[in-house]
């Protein structure tokens, strides 16, 4: 059983940046890692993926603004979010292999 803890959320003005972290209790080196988000009243959506080989993929809405990365030695995945917009406001969740989930971290972007 792998436990995930997200951190780094908070309140930021539009145009600002945040870096989210997802710390795992066990090794993530063999796993694909995803960041999802869920805005109030909306379905959870996939934001970014990094495969165990390091390939990345992004939702169209965040391409060019968000960067996902991983540090297998630290069992940690990051989501660097730049040029934030109010529509990025959501709870952000870390996910491993579509199986393990964290409890999320809230990101609020003010206009």
Foldseek 3Di string as FASTA:
>chain_A
DKAKDKDWADEEAAQAKIKMKIAIPDFQLQWKKWKWWDDPPGDIDTAKIAGSVGDIDGDPVQPPFWDWDDDRVRRMIMIIGGRDDQVVFTWMWMDINNPYIYPTDTHGYHD
